[in-house]
N, C-alpha and C. Protein backbone atom coordinates (compact mmCIF):
# COMPACT_ATOMS: atom_id res chain seq x y z
N MET A 1 -15.37 -8.02 22.39
CA MET A 1 -15.14 -7.03 21.46
C MET A 1 -14.38 -8.04 20.18
N THR A 2 -14.61 -8.23 19.22
CA THR A 2 -14.04 -9.30 18.31
C THR A 2 -12.83 -8.00 17.46
N ASP A 3 -12.43 -8.62 16.91
CA ASP A 3 -11.15 -7.97 15.81
C ASP A 3 -11.59 -8.70 14.55
N ALA A 4 -12.77 -8.68 14.51
CA ALA A 4 -13.81 -8.75 12.99
C ALA A 4 -13.46 -7.52 12.01
N GLY A 5 -13.67 -6.38 12.86
CA GLY A 5 -13.86 -5.28 11.68
C GLY A 5 -12.35 -4.81 11.33
N LYS A 6 -11.19 -5.40 12.29
CA LYS A 6 -9.18 -4.59 11.93
C LYS A 6 -9.28 -5.30 10.76
N ALA A 7 -8.22 -4.32 10.27
CA ALA A 7 -7.38 -4.44 9.03
C ALA A 7 -6.46 -5.69 9.74
N SER A 8 -6.03 -6.13 9.18
CA SER A 8 -5.04 -7.16 9.14
C SER A 8 -4.47 -7.65 7.89
N ALA A 9 -2.48 -8.40 7.97
CA ALA A 9 -2.45 -8.62 6.66
C ALA A 9 -2.40 -10.17 6.27
N PRO A 10 -2.05 -10.19 5.36
CA PRO A 10 -2.97 -11.81 4.76
C PRO A 10 -2.03 -12.87 5.41
N ALA A 11 -1.99 -13.51 5.24
CA ALA A 11 -1.08 -15.06 6.60
C ALA A 11 0.79 -15.03 4.97
N ASP A 12 1.14 -14.88 5.81
CA ASP A 12 2.57 -15.10 4.63
C ASP A 12 2.52 -16.66 4.26
N ASN A 13 2.22 -16.75 2.93
CA ASN A 13 2.63 -18.13 2.20
C ASN A 13 3.61 -18.73 2.28
N GLY A 14 4.83 -17.45 2.10
CA GLY A 14 5.61 -17.69 0.98
C GLY A 14 5.95 -17.72 -0.55
N ALA A 15 4.78 -17.13 -0.66
CA ALA A 15 4.83 -16.87 -2.29
C ALA A 15 5.66 -15.78 -3.06
N ARG A 16 5.48 -14.68 -1.24
CA ARG A 16 6.08 -13.02 -1.75
C ARG A 16 7.34 -13.47 -1.42
N PRO A 17 8.61 -12.44 -1.94
CA PRO A 17 9.67 -11.96 -1.25
C PRO A 17 9.63 -11.40 -0.18
N PRO A 18 9.83 -11.88 1.08
CA PRO A 18 9.84 -11.12 2.65
C PRO A 18 9.87 -8.95 2.21
N LYS A 19 11.08 -8.52 1.33
CA LYS A 19 10.96 -7.19 1.03
C LYS A 19 10.07 -6.96 0.42
N LEU A 20 9.24 -7.72 -0.14
CA LEU A 20 8.12 -7.13 -1.22
C LEU A 20 6.80 -7.36 0.09
N LEU A 21 6.66 -7.98 0.37
CA LEU A 21 5.63 -8.16 1.86
C LEU A 21 5.81 -6.98 2.30
N ASP A 22 6.95 -6.69 2.62
CA ASP A 22 7.64 -4.91 4.13
C ASP A 22 7.01 -4.17 3.56
N LEU A 23 7.35 -4.14 1.94
CA LEU A 23 6.92 -2.62 1.41
C LEU A 23 5.42 -2.05 0.48
N LEU A 24 5.31 -3.19 0.85
CA LEU A 24 3.22 -3.76 0.40
C LEU A 24 2.21 -2.67 1.91
N TYR A 25 2.88 -3.33 2.97
CA TYR A 25 2.77 -3.36 4.44
C TYR A 25 3.09 -2.19 4.39
N ARG A 26 3.87 -1.51 4.22
CA ARG A 26 4.42 -0.45 4.51
C ARG A 26 3.34 1.11 3.72
N HIS A 27 2.87 0.38 2.53
CA HIS A 27 2.20 1.30 1.26
C HIS A 27 0.91 1.33 2.57
N GLN A 28 0.29 -0.33 2.73
CA GLN A 28 -0.75 -0.26 3.26
C GLN A 28 -1.06 0.32 4.33
N ARG A 29 -0.03 0.90 5.06
CA ARG A 29 -0.09 1.44 6.70
C ARG A 29 -0.20 3.17 6.66
N THR A 30 0.75 3.09 5.39
CA THR A 30 0.55 4.64 4.84
C THR A 30 -1.04 5.40 4.40
N GLY A 31 -1.20 4.35 3.22
CA GLY A 31 -2.30 5.05 2.71
C GLY A 31 -1.88 5.84 1.23
N ARG A 32 -0.22 5.43 1.14
CA ARG A 32 0.13 5.97 0.15
C ARG A 32 0.59 5.00 -0.82
N PRO A 33 0.57 5.90 -2.52
CA PRO A 33 0.15 4.96 -3.72
C PRO A 33 1.78 4.23 -3.52
N MET A 34 1.56 2.77 -4.05
CA MET A 34 3.12 2.26 -4.30
C MET A 34 2.98 2.57 -5.44
N GLY A 35 3.95 2.71 -6.67
CA GLY A 35 4.42 2.73 -7.71
C GLY A 35 6.00 3.71 -7.95
N ASP A 36 6.45 3.44 -9.33
CA ASP A 36 6.99 4.98 -9.77
C ASP A 36 6.67 6.53 -9.34
N SER A 37 7.64 6.68 -9.64
CA SER A 37 6.93 8.59 -9.95
C SER A 37 6.08 8.99 -10.73
N GLY A 38 6.40 8.14 -11.73
CA GLY A 38 5.33 8.60 -13.04
C GLY A 38 3.65 8.01 -12.74
N PHE A 39 4.02 6.83 -11.99
CA PHE A 39 2.79 5.97 -11.96
C PHE A 39 1.60 7.63 -11.39
N VAL A 40 2.48 7.33 -9.58
CA VAL A 40 2.43 8.49 -9.12
C VAL A 40 1.80 10.17 -9.41
N GLU A 41 2.34 10.56 -10.60
CA GLU A 41 2.48 11.48 -10.91
C GLU A 41 0.19 10.82 -11.43
N LYS A 42 0.64 10.01 -12.28
CA LYS A 42 -0.89 9.80 -12.63
C LYS A 42 -2.62 10.05 -12.15
N LEU A 43 -1.70 9.63 -11.06
CA LEU A 43 -2.81 8.94 -9.75
C LEU A 43 -3.37 10.33 -9.99
N GLU A 44 -2.36 11.93 -9.50
CA GLU A 44 -2.40 12.92 -9.17
C GLU A 44 -3.26 13.50 -9.85
N GLN A 45 -2.61 13.08 -11.50
CA GLN A 45 -3.46 13.83 -11.95
C GLN A 45 -5.06 14.08 -12.33
N ALA A 46 -4.77 12.26 -12.34
CA ALA A 46 -6.26 11.53 -12.93
C ALA A 46 -6.98 12.13 -10.89
N LEU A 47 -6.86 11.94 -10.19
CA LEU A 47 -7.54 12.02 -8.61
C LEU A 47 -7.46 14.35 -8.76
N GLY A 48 -6.86 14.68 -9.27
CA GLY A 48 -6.76 15.97 -8.70
C GLY A 48 -6.26 16.90 -7.54
N ARG A 49 -5.40 16.08 -7.03
CA ARG A 49 -5.00 15.88 -5.77
C ARG A 49 -3.66 15.19 -5.58
N VAL A 50 -3.05 15.38 -4.63
CA VAL A 50 -1.40 15.56 -3.96
C VAL A 50 -1.52 14.01 -2.94
N LEU A 51 -0.07 13.22 -3.78
CA LEU A 51 -0.67 12.10 -3.09
C LEU A 51 0.99 11.88 -2.31
N GLN A 52 1.71 12.87 -3.21
CA GLN A 52 3.16 12.99 -2.64
C GLN A 52 3.94 13.52 -1.69
N PRO A 53 4.27 13.34 -0.57
CA PRO A 53 4.82 13.72 0.66
C PRO A 53 5.65 15.31 0.28
């Protein structure tokens, strides 16, 4: 069995600050949109569903 179908985080090449990477990974794992509340509210309106917990 291979890991080819599993999602994995991109290799850290030092181009992004570690805190930003942690934030990106956290949102990737939860499936929650990343952005300020105004951005998320616009997404909710466009999609017709609640995205914020």
